[in-house]
Amino acid sequence: MKNRLASRVFSTITAATTLTFSFWVSPTLAADPFRRANQHQIGDKTEAAFKAMFEEGNYQAAERYLQQAQSTEPNEPLAYAMRASLAYTLNQDFKSLESYGKKTLETAEKMISTDPLRGNLYAAVGHFLQGAAVVSREGTVKGTPQALAELRQVYQYLDKAEAVSASDPELNLIRGYMDLMLAVNLPFSNPEQAIARLEKFAGPRYLADRGLAVGYRDLDQYPKALQAVDSALKVTSNNPELFYLKAQILAEQGKKQNDSALMSEAISNFDKAIAKKAQLPNDLVKQIERERRKAAERISKPKQ
């Protein structure tokens, strides 16, 4: 039986590592979705996959673009990180998760000499993916020692990237997601530093807001979670995963407050997500439908 924490870890790192799409377009470079200045070049197909994944929430389109990127943009580690996460999310393919995680690490290490910020950053992501692959495949007891070794490497590389540019938006987005995920899942951890990263430095803003919404949801701070997800929806209003996230927040708040109005609003948002189920992974669709049924059942029960 796979560990629930491992599943949550990987679902979060999917968001953190596959990242984002173009808001700021340079006339000379492929668009850098993270920075207004000091832009880094990302290939067109990888960029198109960002847009499909995070503007539209369209996994199938993202996968098609990434298949093309493998031949046209073989030196972009973000493309391999996205392929790793999609292999897991779409097909529970642990072998491809591990192989693309290794490819992420290999390409990132080659990048360090020319782009030490992104090279070290995606070397960290590569090690994180390797740890996730081990825990997903082997389970918690057998996989934890190796996963912890990979996690030590993750933070060594993140520290090197931070030494290059501590306020970099891409770095703070990924590290903010990682730190927040660990903080809400591990006892005696403080999420405040991760939240500060996402609020102050991470970019693009809508992805930082999405991370904040997840974090505040898991910390049971529902008004802040709703404010963050609504901010993300203003920019990416066609993404069904954001409607799902908002539905989760409303459902949890409604359950705790025994508020049928909140539950009804949650169901409306579940339905908005389900309306675009053709572009989502099958397992995710089943999960959304299951949570919608539970919300509907709670409304039908008399208040205690």
C-alpha atoms as a PDB file:
ATOM      1  CA  MET A   1       0.000   0.000   0.000  1.00  0.00           C
ATOM      2  CA  LYS A   2       1.454   3.347  -1.045  1.00  0.00           C
ATOM      3  CA  ASN A   3       1.928   5.914   1.648  1.00  0.00           C
ATOM      4  CA  ARG A   4      -0.596   8.762   1.670  1.00  0.00           C
ATOM      5  CA  LEU A   5       2.100  11.276   2.518  1.00  0.00           C
ATOM      6  CA  ALA A   6       4.121  10.160  -0.518  1.00  0.00           C
ATOM      7  CA  SER A   7       1.085  10.797  -2.694  1.00  0.00           C
ATOM      8  CA  ARG A   8       0.627  14.284  -1.267  1.00  0.00           C
ATOM      9  CA  VAL A   9       4.338  14.988  -1.639  1.00  0.00           C
ATOM     10  CA  PHE A  10       4.261  14.044  -5.284  1.00  0.00           C
ATOM     11  CA  SER A  11       1.056  15.876  -6.107  1.00  0.00           C
ATOM     12  CA  THR A  12       2.602  19.013  -4.652  1.00  0.00           C
ATOM     13  CA  ILE A  13       5.926  18.637  -6.404  1.00  0.00           C
ATOM     14  CA  THR A  14       4.032  18.139  -9.636  1.00  0.00           C
ATOM     15  CA  ALA A  15       2.804  21.681  -9.293  1.00  0.00           C
ATOM     16  CA  ALA A  16       6.155  22.957  -8.155  1.00  0.00           C
ATOM     17  CA  THR A  17       8.273  21.415 -10.861  1.00  0.00           C
ATOM     18  CA  THR A  18       6.117  21.428 -13.953  1.00  0.00           C
ATOM     19  CA  LEU A  19       5.399  25.092 -13.444  1.00  0.00           C
ATOM     20  CA  THR A  20       4.015  27.713 -15.667  1.00  0.00           C
ATOM     21  CA  PHE A  21       3.351  29.626 -18.842  1.00  0.00           C
ATOM     22  CA  SER A  22       4.159  32.914 -20.556  1.00  0.00           C
ATOM     23  CA  PHE A  23       2.989  36.249 -19.195  1.00  0.00           C
ATOM     24  CA  TRP A  24       5.982  38.407 -20.026  1.00  0.00           C
ATOM     25  CA  VAL A  25       7.156  38.137 -23.628  1.00  0.00           C
ATOM     26  CA  SER A  26      10.633  39.168 -24.727  1.00  0.00           C
ATOM     27  CA  PRO A  27      11.051  40.098 -28.393  1.00  0.00           C
ATOM     28  CA  THR A  28      14.384  38.279 -28.579  1.00  0.00           C
ATOM     29  CA  LEU A  29      14.018  35.292 -26.256  1.00  0.00           C
ATOM     30  CA  ALA A  30      11.511  32.517 -25.869  1.00  0.00           C
ATOM     31  CA  ALA A  31       9.212  33.850 -23.167  1.00  0.00           C
ATOM     32  CA  ASP A  32      10.419  33.561 -19.592  1.00  0.00           C
ATOM     33  CA  PRO A  33       7.330  32.994 -17.436  1.00  0.00           C
ATOM     34  CA  PHE A  34       9.143  33.853 -14.207  1.00  0.00           C
ATOM     35  CA  ARG A  35      11.096  37.089 -14.705  1.00  0.00           C
ATOM     36  CA  ARG A  36      10.526  40.567 -16.087  1.00  0.00           C
ATOM     37  CA  ALA A  37      14.264  41.239 -16.224  1.00  0.00           C
ATOM     38  CA  ASN A  38      17.349  39.028 -16.618  1.00  0.00           C
ATOM     39  CA  GLN A  39      15.294  36.510 -18.555  1.00  0.00           C
ATOM     40  CA  HIS A  40      16.405  32.954 -19.261  1.00  0.00           C
ATOM     41  CA  GLN A  41      15.601  31.233 -22.523  1.00  0.00           C
ATOM     42  CA  ILE A  42      13.088  28.375 -22.508  1.00  0.00           C
ATOM     43  CA  GLY A  43      12.168  26.457 -25.666  1.00  0.00           C
ATOM     44  CA  ASP A  44       8.925  27.107 -27.508  1.00  0.00           C
ATOM     45  CA  LYS A  45       7.519  23.594 -27.033  1.00  0.00           C
ATOM     46  CA  THR A  46       8.284  23.601 -23.318  1.00  0.00           C
ATOM     47  CA  GLU A  47       6.633  26.995 -23.056  1.00  0.00           C
ATOM     48  CA  ALA A  48       3.572  25.685 -24.908  1.00  0.00           C
ATOM     49  CA  ALA A  49       3.397  22.790 -22.440  1.00  0.00           C
ATOM     50  CA  PHE A  50       3.480  25.320 -19.571  1.00  0.00           C
ATOM     51  CA  LYS A  51       0.543  27.140 -21.089  1.00  0.00           C
ATOM     52  CA  ALA A  52      -1.449  23.974 -21.695  1.00  0.00           C
ATOM     53  CA  MET A  53      -0.822  22.711 -18.177  1.00  0.00           C
ATOM     54  CA  PHE A  54      -1.291  25.815 -16.084  1.00  0.00           C
ATOM     55  CA  GLU A  55      -3.466  28.178 -18.065  1.00  0.00           C
ATOM     56  CA  GLU A  56      -5.814  25.502 -19.384  1.00  0.00           C
ATOM     57  CA  GLY A  57      -5.219  22.558 -17.039  1.00  0.00           C
ATOM     58  CA  ASN A  58      -4.973  20.374 -20.147  1.00  0.00           C
ATOM     59  CA  TYR A  59      -2.749  17.379 -19.393  1.00  0.00           C
ATOM     60  CA  GLN A  60      -3.125  15.721 -22.783  1.00  0.00           C
ATOM     61  CA  ALA A  61      -2.056  18.840 -24.687  1.00  0.00           C
ATOM     62  CA  ALA A  62       0.875  19.339 -22.329  1.00  0.00           C
ATOM     63  CA  GLU A  63       2.026  15.782 -22.921  1.00  0.00           C
ATOM     64  CA  ARG A  64       1.924  16.264 -26.703  1.00  0.00           C
ATOM     65  CA  TYR A  65       4.047  19.402 -26.528  1.00  0.00           C
ATOM     66  CA  LEU A  66       6.541  17.705 -24.235  1.00  0.00           C
ATOM     67  CA  GLN A  67       6.936  14.786 -26.616  1.00  0.00           C
ATOM     68  CA  GLN A  68       7.940  17.334 -29.262  1.00  0.00           C
ATOM     69  CA  ALA A  69      10.230  19.176 -26.855  1.00  0.00           C
ATOM     70  CA  GLN A  70      12.240  16.024 -26.220  1.00  0.00           C
ATOM     71  CA  SER A  71      13.670  16.237 -29.739  1.00  0.00           C
ATOM     72  CA  THR A  72      13.682  20.004 -30.307  1.00  0.00           C
ATOM     73  CA  GLU A  73      14.747  21.147 -26.811  1.00  0.00           C
ATOM     74  CA  PRO A  74      16.865  18.308 -25.412  1.00  0.00           C
ATOM     75  CA  ASN A  75      18.808  20.508 -22.985  1.00  0.00           C
ATOM     76  CA  GLU A  76      15.865  21.995 -21.047  1.00  0.00           C
ATOM     77  CA  PRO A  77      15.587  20.260 -17.642  1.00  0.00           C
ATOM     78  CA  LEU A  78      12.136  21.692 -16.947  1.00  0.00           C
ATOM     79  CA  ALA A  79      10.747  19.709 -19.885  1.00  0.00           C
ATOM     80  CA  TYR A  80      12.027  16.446 -18.368  1.00  0.00           C
ATOM     81  CA  ALA A  81      10.678  17.398 -14.942  1.00  0.00           C
ATOM     82  CA  MET A  82       7.269  17.924 -16.510  1.00  0.00           C
ATOM     83  CA  ARG A  83       7.475  14.585 -18.315  1.00  0.00           C
ATOM     84  CA  ALA A  84       8.334  12.857 -15.047  1.00  0.00           C
ATOM     85  CA  SER A  85       5.361  14.331 -13.243  1.00  0.00           C
ATOM     86  CA  LEU A  86       2.978  13.601 -16.128  1.00  0.00           C
ATOM     87  CA  ALA A  87       4.161   9.987 -16.318  1.00  0.00           C
ATOM     88  CA  TYR A  88       3.172   9.584 -12.689  1.00  0.00           C
ATOM     89  CA  THR A  89      -0.017  11.648 -12.813  1.00  0.00           C
ATOM     90  CA  LEU A  90      -1.457  10.217 -16.017  1.00  0.00           C
ATOM     91  CA  ASN A  91      -0.285   6.616 -15.887  1.00  0.00           C
ATOM     92  CA  GLN A  92       1.193   5.839 -12.450  1.00  0.00           C
ATOM     93  CA  ASP A  93       4.318   5.004 -14.477  1.00  0.00           C
ATOM     94  CA  PHE A  94       7.047   4.710 -11.839  1.00  0.00           C
ATOM     95  CA  LYS A  95       9.677   3.602 -14.353  1.00  0.00           C
ATOM     96  CA  SER A  96       9.216   6.742 -16.480  1.00  0.00           C
ATOM     97  CA  LEU A  97       9.014   8.887 -13.361  1.00  0.00           C
ATOM     98  CA  GLU A  98      12.431   7.636 -12.341  1.00  0.00           C
ATOM     99  CA  SER A  99      13.992   7.815 -15.814  1.00  0.00           C
ATOM    100  CA  TYR A 100      12.781  11.343 -16.511  1.00  0.00           C
ATOM    101  CA  GLY A 101      13.822  12.369 -13.030  1.00  0.00           C
ATOM    102  CA  LYS A 102      17.342  11.170 -13.852  1.00  0.00           C
ATOM    103  CA  LYS A 103      17.234  13.050 -17.149  1.00  0.00           C
ATOM    104  CA  THR A 104      16.186  16.191 -15.299  1.00  0.00           C
ATOM    105  CA  LEU A 105      19.222  15.823 -13.062  1.00  0.00           C
ATOM    106  CA  GLU A 106      21.625  15.086 -15.933  1.00  0.00           C
ATOM    107  CA  THR A 107      20.582  18.070 -18.046  1.00  0.00           C
ATOM    108  CA  ALA A 108      20.546  20.353 -15.005  1.00  0.00           C
ATOM    109  CA  GLU A 109      24.087  19.377 -14.026  1.00  0.00           C
ATOM    110  CA  LYS A 110      25.280  20.187 -17.561  1.00  0.00           C
ATOM    111  CA  MET A 111      23.568  23.582 -17.320  1.00  0.00           C
ATOM    112  CA  ILE A 112      25.330  24.628 -14.116  1.00  0.00           C
ATOM    113  CA  SER A 113      28.418  25.950 -15.903  1.00  0.00           C
ATOM    114  CA  THR A 114      26.408  28.257 -18.179  1.00  0.00           C
ATOM    115  CA  ASP A 115      23.373  29.012 -15.994  1.00  0.00           C
ATOM    116  CA  PRO A 116      24.248  28.248 -12.359  1.00  0.00           C
ATOM    117  CA  LEU A 117      20.907  29.501 -11.043  1.00  0.00           C
ATOM    118  CA  ARG A 118      18.652  27.237 -13.106  1.00  0.00           C
ATOM    119  CA  GLY A 119      21.207  24.442 -13.280  1.00  0.00           C
ATOM    120  CA  ASN A 120      21.419  24.108  -9.504  1.00  0.00           C
ATOM    121  CA  LEU A 121      17.675  24.655  -9.136  1.00  0.00           C
ATOM    122  CA  TYR A 122      16.728  21.808 -11.458  1.00  0.00           C
ATOM    123  CA  ALA A 123      19.435  19.564 -10.066  1.00  0.00           C
ATOM    124  CA  ALA A 124      17.496  19.960  -6.813  1.00  0.00           C
ATOM    125  CA  VAL A 125      14.268  19.128  -8.642  1.00  0.00           C
ATOM    126  CA  GLY A 126      15.912  16.059 -10.193  1.00  0.00           C
ATOM    127  CA  HIS A 127      16.936  14.735  -6.798  1.00  0.00           C
ATOM    128  CA  PHE A 128      13.456  15.439  -5.446  1.00  0.00           C
ATOM    129  CA  LEU A 129      11.914  13.445  -8.281  1.00  0.00           C
ATOM    130  CA  GLN A 130      14.309  10.595  -7.584  1.00  0.00           C
ATOM    131  CA  GLY A 131      13.226  10.544  -3.952  1.00  0.00           C
ATOM    132  CA  ALA A 132       9.561  10.634  -4.935  1.00  0.00           C
ATOM    133  CA  ALA A 133      10.126   7.728  -7.338  1.00  0.00           C
ATOM    134  CA  VAL A 134      11.724   5.602  -4.634  1.00  0.00           C
ATOM    135  CA  VAL A 135       8.959   6.205  -2.081  1.00  0.00           C
ATOM    136  CA  SER A 136       6.225   5.702  -4.681  1.00  0.00           C
ATOM    137  CA  ARG A 137       7.747   2.440  -5.891  1.00  0.00           C
ATOM    138  CA  GLU A 138       9.119   0.953  -2.673  1.00  0.00           C
ATOM    139  CA  GLY A 139       6.762   2.330  -0.045  1.00  0.00           C
ATOM    140  CA  THR A 140       7.625   4.317   3.059  1.00  0.00           C
ATOM    141  CA  VAL A 141       9.580   1.803   5.142  1.00  0.00           C
ATOM    142  CA  LYS A 142      11.878   0.565   2.411  1.00  0.00           C
ATOM    143  CA  GLY A 143      12.150   3.799   0.456  1.00  0.00           C
ATOM    144  CA  THR A 144      12.593   6.375   3.230  1.00  0.00           C
ATOM    145  CA  PRO A 145      16.378   6.054   3.764  1.00  0.00           C
ATOM    146  CA  GLN A 146      17.157   6.696   0.094  1.00  0.00           C
ATOM    147  CA  ALA A 147      14.497   9.399  -0.131  1.00  0.00           C
ATOM    148  CA  LEU A 148      16.072  11.225   2.813  1.00  0.00           C
ATOM    149  CA  ALA A 149      19.468  11.024   1.137  1.00  0.00           C
ATOM    150  CA  GLU A 150      17.945  12.561  -1.991  1.00  0.00           C
ATOM    151  CA  LEU A 151      16.285  15.278   0.116  1.00  0.00           C
ATOM    152  CA  ARG A 152      19.657  16.280   1.561  1.00  0.00           C
ATOM    153  CA  GLN A 153      20.923  16.702  -1.992  1.00  0.00           C
ATOM    154  CA  VAL A 154      17.836  18.742  -2.843  1.00  0.00           C
ATOM    155  CA  TYR A 155      18.615  21.349  -0.232  1.00  0.00           C
ATOM    156  CA  GLN A 156      22.321  21.426  -1.032  1.00  0.00           C
ATOM    157  CA  TYR A 157      21.522  22.382  -4.620  1.00  0.00           C
ATOM    158  CA  LEU A 158      18.781  24.816  -3.589  1.00  0.00           C
ATOM    159  CA  ASP A 159      21.273  26.589  -1.325  1.00  0.00           C
ATOM    160  CA  LYS A 160      23.690  26.882  -4.261  1.00  0.00           C
ATOM    161  CA  ALA A 161      20.954  28.351  -6.442  1.00  0.00           C
ATOM    162  CA  GLU A 162      19.987  30.771  -3.693  1.00  0.00           C
ATOM    163  CA  ALA A 163      23.603  31.910  -3.420  1.00  0.00           C
ATOM    164  CA  VAL A 164      23.351  33.037  -7.052  1.00  0.00           C
ATOM    165  CA  SER A 165      20.109  35.010  -6.613  1.00  0.00           C
ATOM    166  CA  ALA A 166      18.159  34.756  -3.371  1.00  0.00           C
ATOM    167  CA  SER A 167      15.195  36.768  -4.680  1.00  0.00           C
ATOM    168  CA  ASP A 168      14.795  34.949  -8.007  1.00  0.00           C
ATOM    169  CA  PRO A 169      11.091  34.286  -8.744  1.00  0.00           C
ATOM    170  CA  GLU A 170      11.570  30.782 -10.207  1.00  0.00           C
ATOM    171  CA  LEU A 171      13.758  29.674  -7.309  1.00  0.00           C
ATOM    172  CA  ASN A 172      11.358  31.025  -4.699  1.00  0.00           C
ATOM    173  CA  LEU A 173       8.353  29.485  -6.418  1.00  0.00           C
ATOM    174  CA  ILE A 174       9.845  25.994  -6.407  1.00  0.00           C
ATOM    175  CA  ARG A 175      11.476  26.255  -2.993  1.00  0.00           C
ATOM    176  CA  GLY A 176       8.352  27.848  -1.569  1.00  0.00           C
ATOM    177  CA  TYR A 177       6.224  24.938  -2.781  1.00  0.00           C
ATOM    178  CA  MET A 178       8.670  22.382  -1.419  1.00  0.00           C
ATOM    179  CA  ASP A 179       9.094  24.072   1.963  1.00  0.00           C
ATOM    180  CA  LEU A 180       5.368  24.629   2.411  1.00  0.00           C
ATOM    181  CA  MET A 181       4.542  21.038   1.510  1.00  0.00           C
ATOM    182  CA  LEU A 182       7.031  19.750   4.088  1.00  0.00           C
ATOM    183  CA  ALA A 183       5.851  22.233   6.708  1.00  0.00           C
ATOM    184  CA  VAL A 184       2.187  21.223   6.530  1.00  0.00           C
ATOM    185  CA  ASN A 185       2.984  17.499   6.527  1.00  0.00           C
ATOM    186  CA  LEU A 186       5.737  17.233   9.125  1.00  0.00           C
ATOM    187  CA  PRO A 187       5.245  17.849  12.857  1.00  0.00           C
ATOM    188  CA  PHE A 188       6.992  20.778  14.532  1.00  0.00           C
ATOM    189  CA  SER A 189       7.592  22.514  11.195  1.00  0.00           C
ATOM    190  CA  ASN A 190       6.888  26.209  10.680  1.00  0.00           C
ATOM    191  CA  PRO A 191       5.257  27.193   7.377  1.00  0.00           C
ATOM    192  CA  GLU A 192       5.739  30.931   7.820  1.00  0.00           C
ATOM    193  CA  GLN A 193       9.040  31.137   5.935  1.00  0.00           C
ATOM    194  CA  ALA A 194       7.622  29.198   2.972  1.00  0.00           C
ATOM    195  CA  ILE A 195       4.551  31.433   2.897  1.00  0.00           C
ATOM    196  CA  ALA A 196       6.791  34.508   2.958  1.00  0.00           C
ATOM    197  CA  ARG A 197       8.746  33.169  -0.048  1.00  0.00           C
ATOM    198  CA  LEU A 198       5.584  32.704  -2.047  1.00  0.00           C
ATOM    199  CA  GLU A 199       4.107  36.041  -1.036  1.00  0.00           C
ATOM    200  CA  LYS A 200       7.200  38.220  -1.529  1.00  0.00           C
ATOM    201  CA  PHE A 201       9.407  36.736  -4.229  1.00  0.00           C
ATOM    202  CA  ALA A 202       7.790  33.902  -6.189  1.00  0.00           C
ATOM    203  CA  GLY A 203       6.592  34.319  -9.739  1.00  0.00           C
ATOM    204  CA  PRO A 204       4.476  34.232 -11.731  1.00  0.00           C
ATOM    205  CA  ARG A 205       1.990  35.583  -9.228  1.00  0.00           C
ATOM    206  CA  TYR A 206      -0.873  33.257 -10.084  1.00  0.00           C
ATOM    207  CA  LEU A 207       1.200  30.150  -9.370  1.00  0.00           C
ATOM    208  CA  ALA A 208       2.415  31.606  -6.102  1.00  0.00           C
ATOM    209  CA  ASP A 209      -1.220  32.268  -5.187  1.00  0.00           C
ATOM    210  CA  ARG A 210      -2.126  28.700  -6.093  1.00  0.00           C
ATOM    211  CA  GLY A 211       0.594  27.412  -3.776  1.00  0.00           C
ATOM    212  CA  LEU A 212      -0.599  29.695  -1.004  1.00  0.00           C
ATOM    213  CA  ALA A 213      -4.157  28.420  -1.450  1.00  0.00           C
ATOM    214  CA  VAL A 214      -2.967  24.821  -1.051  1.00  0.00           C
ATOM    215  CA  GLY A 215      -0.910  25.705   1.999  1.00  0.00           C
ATOM    216  CA  TYR A 216      -3.633  27.706   3.727  1.00  0.00           C
ATOM    217  CA  ARG A 217      -6.134  24.927   2.937  1.00  0.00           C
ATOM    218  CA  ASP A 218      -3.929  22.364   4.648  1.00  0.00           C
ATOM    219  CA  LEU A 219      -3.443  24.717   7.596  1.00  0.00           C
ATOM    220  CA  ASP A 220      -7.257  25.116   7.886  1.00  0.00           C
ATOM    221  CA  GLN A 221      -7.025  28.861   7.221  1.00  0.00           C
ATOM    222  CA  TYR A 222      -9.937  28.893   4.812  1.00  0.00           C
ATOM    223  CA  PRO A 223     -10.553  32.650   4.288  1.00  0.00           C
ATOM    224  CA  LYS A 224      -6.908  33.140   3.289  1.00  0.00           C
ATOM    225  CA  ALA A 225      -7.051  30.042   1.095  1.00  0.00           C
ATOM    226  CA  LEU A 226     -10.142  31.351  -0.708  1.00  0.00           C
ATOM    227  CA  GLN A 227      -8.564  34.762  -1.208  1.00  0.00           C
ATOM    228  CA  ALA A 228      -5.480  33.134  -2.765  1.00  0.00           C
ATOM    229  CA  VAL A 229      -7.371  30.771  -5.080  1.00  0.00           C
ATOM    230  CA  ASP A 230      -9.670  33.585  -6.231  1.00  0.00           C
ATOM    231  CA  SER A 231      -6.595  35.642  -7.078  1.00  0.00           C
ATOM    232  CA  ALA A 232      -5.214  32.752  -9.157  1.00  0.00           C
ATOM    233  CA  LEU A 233      -8.568  32.306 -10.905  1.00  0.00           C
ATOM    234  CA  LYS A 234      -8.553  35.927 -12.055  1.00  0.00           C
ATOM    235  CA  VAL A 235      -5.586  35.053 -14.279  1.00  0.00           C
ATOM    236  CA  THR A 236      -6.218  31.386 -15.143  1.00  0.00           C
ATOM    237  CA  SER A 237      -9.992  31.172 -15.163  1.00  0.00           C
ATOM    238  CA  ASN A 238     -10.088  28.228 -17.603  1.00  0.00           C
ATOM    239  CA  ASN A 239      -8.120  25.828 -15.412  1.00  0.00           C
ATOM    240  CA  PRO A 240     -10.430  23.140 -13.940  1.00  0.00           C
ATOM    241  CA  GLU A 241      -7.896  22.261 -11.241  1.00  0.00           C
ATOM    242  CA  LEU A 242      -8.363  25.685  -9.691  1.00  0.00           C
ATOM    243  CA  PHE A 243     -12.130  25.176  -9.503  1.00  0.00           C
ATOM    244  CA  TYR A 244     -11.414  21.835  -7.847  1.00  0.00           C
ATOM    245  CA  LEU A 245      -9.073  23.490  -5.361  1.00  0.00           C
ATOM    246  CA  LYS A 246     -11.674  26.150  -4.553  1.00  0.00           C
ATOM    247  CA  ALA A 247     -14.311  23.447  -4.142  1.00  0.00           C
ATOM    248  CA  GLN A 248     -12.087  21.586  -1.670  1.00  0.00           C
ATOM    249  CA  ILE A 249     -11.547  24.710   0.397  1.00  0.00           C
ATOM    250  CA  LEU A 250     -15.263  25.528   0.486  1.00  0.00           C
ATOM    251  CA  ALA A 251     -16.209  21.939   1.315  1.00  0.00           C
ATOM    252  CA  GLU A 252     -13.767  21.755   4.218  1.00  0.00           C
ATOM    253  CA  GLN A 253     -14.929  25.100   5.556  1.00  0.00           C
ATOM    254  CA  GLY A 254     -18.564  24.106   5.116  1.00  0.00           C
ATOM    255  CA  LYS A 255     -18.028  20.824   6.924  1.00  0.00           C
ATOM    256  CA  LYS A 256     -16.340  22.475   9.893  1.00  0.00           C
ATOM    257  CA  GLN A 257     -18.980  25.208  10.133  1.00  0.00           C
ATOM    258  CA  ASN A 258     -21.909  22.922   9.234  1.00  0.00           C
ATOM    259  CA  ASP A 259     -22.842  25.469   6.554  1.00  0.00           C
ATOM    260  CA  SER A 260     -24.966  24.177   3.677  1.00  0.00           C
ATOM    261  CA  ALA A 261     -24.497  27.377   1.668  1.00  0.00           C
ATOM    262  CA  LEU A 262     -20.748  26.814   1.578  1.00  0.00           C
ATOM    263  CA  MET A 263     -21.336  23.194   0.589  1.00  0.00           C
ATOM    264  CA  SER A 264     -23.618  24.290  -2.254  1.00  0.00           C
ATOM    265  CA  GLU A 265     -20.954  26.678  -3.497  1.00  0.00           C
ATOM    266  CA  ALA A 266     -18.411  23.862  -3.260  1.00  0.00           C
ATOM    267  CA  ILE A 267     -20.619  21.613  -5.403  1.00  0.00           C
ATOM    268  CA  SER A 268     -20.901  24.368  -8.005  1.00  0.00           C
ATOM    269  CA  ASN A 269     -17.110  24.524  -8.226  1.00  0.00           C
ATOM    270  CA  PHE A 270     -16.773  20.741  -8.345  1.00  0.00           C
ATOM    271  CA  ASP A 271     -19.176  20.819 -11.310  1.00  0.00           C
ATOM    272  CA  LYS A 272     -17.082  23.458 -13.094  1.00  0.00           C
ATOM    273  CA  ALA A 273     -14.054  21.193 -12.765  1.00  0.00           C
ATOM    274  CA  ILE A 274     -15.955  18.088 -13.889  1.00  0.00           C
ATOM    275  CA  ALA A 275     -17.240  19.936 -16.967  1.00  0.00           C
ATOM    276  CA  LYS A 276     -13.665  19.790 -18.301  1.00  0.00           C
ATOM    277  CA  LYS A 277     -12.898  16.256 -17.198  1.00  0.00           C
ATOM    278  CA  ALA A 278     -11.800  15.198 -20.700  1.00  0.00           C
ATOM    279  CA  GLN A 279      -8.529  17.087 -20.264  1.00  0.00           C
ATOM    280  CA  LEU A 280      -7.780  15.816 -16.743  1.00  0.00           C
ATOM    281  CA  PRO A 281      -6.208  12.522 -15.584  1.00  0.00           C
ATOM    282  CA  ASN A 282      -8.768   9.766 -14.989  1.00  0.00           C
ATOM    283  CA  ASP A 283      -7.762   9.241 -11.358  1.00  0.00           C
ATOM    284  CA  LEU A 284      -8.127  12.951 -10.657  1.00  0.00           C
ATOM    285  CA  VAL A 285     -11.582  13.013 -12.244  1.00  0.00           C
ATOM    286  CA  LYS A 286     -12.658  10.083 -10.062  1.00  0.00           C
ATOM    287  CA  GLN A 287     -11.371  11.901  -6.990  1.00  0.00           C
ATOM    288  CA  ILE A 288     -13.251  15.089  -7.887  1.00  0.00           C
ATOM    289  CA  GLU A 289     -16.471  13.139  -8.478  1.00  0.00           C
ATOM    290  CA  ARG A 290     -16.036  11.288  -5.197  1.00  0.00           C
ATOM    291  CA  GLU A 291     -15.552  14.499  -3.233  1.00  0.00           C
ATOM    292  CA  ARG A 292     -18.561  16.054  -4.955  1.00  0.00           C
ATOM    293  CA  ARG A 293     -20.760  13.124  -3.890  1.00  0.00           C
ATOM    294  CA  LYS A 294     -19.611  13.511  -0.289  1.00  0.00           C
ATOM    295  CA  ALA A 295     -20.437  17.211  -0.338  1.00  0.00           C
ATOM    296  CA  ALA A 296     -23.889  16.513  -1.771  1.00  0.00           C
ATOM    297  CA  GLU A 297     -24.530  13.830   0.857  1.00  0.00           C
ATOM    298  CA  ARG A 298     -23.627  16.255   3.608  1.00  0.00           C
ATOM    299  CA  ILE A 299     -26.178  18.790   2.334  1.00  0.00           C
ATOM    300  CA  SER A 300     -28.886  16.135   2.250  1.00  0.00           C
ATOM    301  CA  LYS A 301     -28.325  15.185   5.891  1.00  0.00           C
ATOM    302  CA  PRO A 302     -30.265  17.109   8.547  1.00  0.00           C
ATOM    303  CA  LYS A 303     -28.202  19.423  10.733  1.00  0.00           C
ATOM    304  CA  GLN A 304     -27.232  17.955  14.063  1.00  0.00           C
END
